[in-house]
C-alpha atoms as a PDB file:
ATOM      1  CA  UNK A   1       0.224 -13.655   7.543  1.00  0.00           C
ATOM      2  CA  UNK A   2       0.997 -13.763   3.638  1.00  0.00           C
ATOM      3  CA  UNK A   3       3.373 -11.607   2.089  1.00  0.00           C
ATOM      4  CA  UNK A   4       1.217  -8.941   0.580  1.00  0.00           C
ATOM      5  CA  UNK A   5      -0.286  -8.511   4.128  1.00  0.00           C
ATOM      6  CA  UNK A   6       3.043  -8.022   5.911  1.00  0.00           C
ATOM      7  CA  UNK A   7       4.181  -5.673   2.991  1.00  0.00           C
ATOM      8  CA  UNK A   8       0.855  -3.612   3.765  1.00  0.00           C
ATOM      9  CA  UNK A   9       1.544  -3.532   7.685  1.00  0.00           C
ATOM     10  CA  UNK A  10       5.235  -2.721   7.221  1.00  0.00           C
ATOM     11  CA  UNK A  11       4.429   0.425   4.764  1.00  0.00           C
ATOM     12  CA  UNK A  12       1.735   1.456   7.645  1.00  0.00           C
ATOM     13  CA  UNK A  13       4.331   1.095  10.119  1.00  0.00           C
ATOM     14  CA  UNK A  14       6.903   3.091   8.408  1.00  0.00           C
ATOM     15  CA  UNK A  15       4.133   5.614   7.413  1.00  0.00           C
ATOM     16  CA  UNK A  16       3.004   6.066  10.964  1.00  0.00           C
ATOM     17  CA  UNK A  17       7.106   6.570  12.297  1.00  0.00           C
ATOM     18  CA  UNK A  18       7.544   9.160   9.949  1.00  0.00           C
ATOM     19  CA  UNK A  19       4.502  10.871  10.817  1.00  0.00           C
ATOM     20  CA  UNK A  20       5.481  10.616  14.662  1.00  0.00           C
ATOM     21  CA  UNK A  21       9.446  11.762  13.750  1.00  0.00           C
ATOM     22  CA  UNK A  22       7.951  15.049  12.177  1.00  0.00           C
ATOM     23  CA  UNK A  23       6.133  15.738  15.264  1.00  0.00           C
ATOM     24  CA  UNK A  24       9.199  15.065  17.410  1.00  0.00           C
ATOM     25  CA  UNK A  25      11.370  16.967  14.509  1.00  0.00           C
ATOM     26  CA  UNK A  26       9.394  20.189  15.608  1.00  0.00           C
ATOM     27  CA  UNK A  27      10.133  19.878  19.470  1.00  0.00           C
ATOM     28  CA  UNK A  28      12.291  23.154  20.085  1.00  0.00           C
ATOM     29  CA  UNK A  29      13.965  21.286  23.182  1.00  0.00           C
ATOM     30  CA  UNK A  30      15.846  18.854  20.469  1.00  0.00           C
ATOM     31  CA  UNK A  31      19.685  19.915  20.349  1.00  0.00           C
ATOM     32  CA  UNK A  32      21.499  20.160  17.000  1.00  0.00           C
ATOM     33  CA  UNK A  33      22.874  16.716  17.138  1.00  0.00           C
ATOM     34  CA  UNK A  34      19.499  14.932  18.062  1.00  0.00           C
ATOM     35  CA  UNK A  35      17.935  16.814  15.244  1.00  0.00           C
ATOM     36  CA  UNK A  36      20.750  15.595  12.729  1.00  0.00           C
ATOM     37  CA  UNK A  37      20.255  12.186  13.548  1.00  0.00           C
ATOM     38  CA  UNK A  38      16.857  12.237  13.701  1.00  0.00           C
ATOM     39  CA  UNK A  39      16.849  13.354  10.109  1.00  0.00           C
ATOM     40  CA  UNK A  40      19.147  10.883   9.185  1.00  0.00           C
ATOM     41  CA  UNK A  41      16.855   8.251  10.462  1.00  0.00           C
ATOM     42  CA  UNK A  42      13.801   9.579   8.482  1.00  0.00           C
ATOM     43  CA  UNK A  43      15.815   9.542   5.351  1.00  0.00           C
ATOM     44  CA  UNK A  44      16.469   6.005   6.170  1.00  0.00           C
ATOM     45  CA  UNK A  45      12.871   5.190   6.755  1.00  0.00           C
ATOM     46  CA  UNK A  46      11.660   7.143   3.622  1.00  0.00           C
ATOM     47  CA  UNK A  47      14.060   4.856   1.453  1.00  0.00           C
ATOM     48  CA  UNK A  48      12.596   1.900   3.067  1.00  0.00           C
ATOM     49  CA  UNK A  49       9.354   3.250   2.458  1.00  0.00           C
ATOM     50  CA  UNK A  50       9.877   3.645  -1.044  1.00  0.00           C
ATOM     51  CA  UNK A  51      11.545   0.229  -1.594  1.00  0.00           C
ATOM     52  CA  UNK A  52       8.231  -1.339  -0.188  1.00  0.00           C
ATOM     53  CA  UNK A  53       6.038   0.625  -2.441  1.00  0.00           C
ATOM     54  CA  UNK A  54       7.942  -0.231  -5.488  1.00  0.00           C
ATOM     55  CA  UNK A  55       7.430  -3.796  -4.382  1.00  0.00           C
ATOM     56  CA  UNK A  56       3.548  -3.441  -3.941  1.00  0.00           C
ATOM     57  CA  UNK A  57       3.395  -1.615  -7.256  1.00  0.00           C
ATOM     58  CA  UNK A  58       5.582  -4.340  -8.897  1.00  0.00           C
ATOM     59  CA  UNK A  59       3.258  -7.098  -7.562  1.00  0.00           C
ATOM     60  CA  UNK A  60       0.953  -8.928  -9.671  1.00  0.00           C
ATOM     61  CA  UNK A  61      -2.709  -8.677  -8.648  1.00  0.00           C
ATOM     62  CA  UNK A  62      -4.074 -11.720  -7.251  1.00  0.00           C
ATOM     63  CA  UNK A  63      -6.849 -13.474  -9.212  1.00  0.00           C
ATOM     64  CA  UNK A  64     -10.159 -13.500  -8.052  1.00  0.00           C
ATOM     65  CA  UNK A  65     -11.402 -16.469  -5.683  1.00  0.00           C
ATOM     66  CA  UNK A  66     -14.364 -17.404  -8.268  1.00  0.00           C
ATOM     67  CA  UNK A  67     -14.516 -16.576 -11.854  1.00  0.00           C
ATOM     68  CA  UNK A  68     -16.717 -13.440 -12.787  1.00  0.00           C
ATOM     69  CA  UNK A  69     -20.135 -14.570 -14.025  1.00  0.00           C
ATOM     70  CA  UNK A  70     -20.236 -14.078 -17.834  1.00  0.00           C
ATOM     71  CA  UNK A  71     -23.957 -13.710 -19.606  1.00  0.00           C
ATOM     72  CA  UNK A  72     -24.473 -15.293 -22.743  1.00  0.00           C
ATOM     73  CA  UNK A  73     -26.962 -14.164 -25.356  1.00  0.00           C
ATOM     74  CA  UNK A  74     -29.925 -16.175 -25.011  1.00  0.00           C
ATOM     75  CA  UNK A  75     -31.194 -17.823 -28.210  1.00  0.00           C
ATOM     76  CA  UNK A  76     -34.680 -16.229 -29.093  1.00  0.00           C
ATOM     77  CA  UNK A  77     -37.238 -17.492 -31.287  1.00  0.00           C
ATOM     78  CA  UNK A  78     -40.243 -15.648 -32.832  1.00  0.00           C
ATOM     79  CA  UNK A  79     -43.313 -17.677 -32.927  1.00  0.00           C
ATOM     80  CA  UNK A  80     -46.285 -16.280 -35.065  1.00  0.00           C
ATOM     81  CA  UNK A  81     -50.028 -16.884 -34.272  1.00  0.00           C
ATOM     82  CA  UNK A  82     -52.450 -17.806 -36.917  1.00  0.00           C
END
């Protein structure tokens, strides 16, 4: 697995974890301590996600495998019939 693929996979995992944490945070059976701990973990996860997103935005785009086709102007000649 290449670094960009690993970075993308980490971003997706962090986003999924945050989604699940928000659902869990809405659970009324959570104690105040558990809620606070979950919010602290969410803050850390958000910071990690921002760091990964920053790394993706700074990453240079990979050059395409094959260069794009360029079309040259054809040399045209006019022929006159007499």
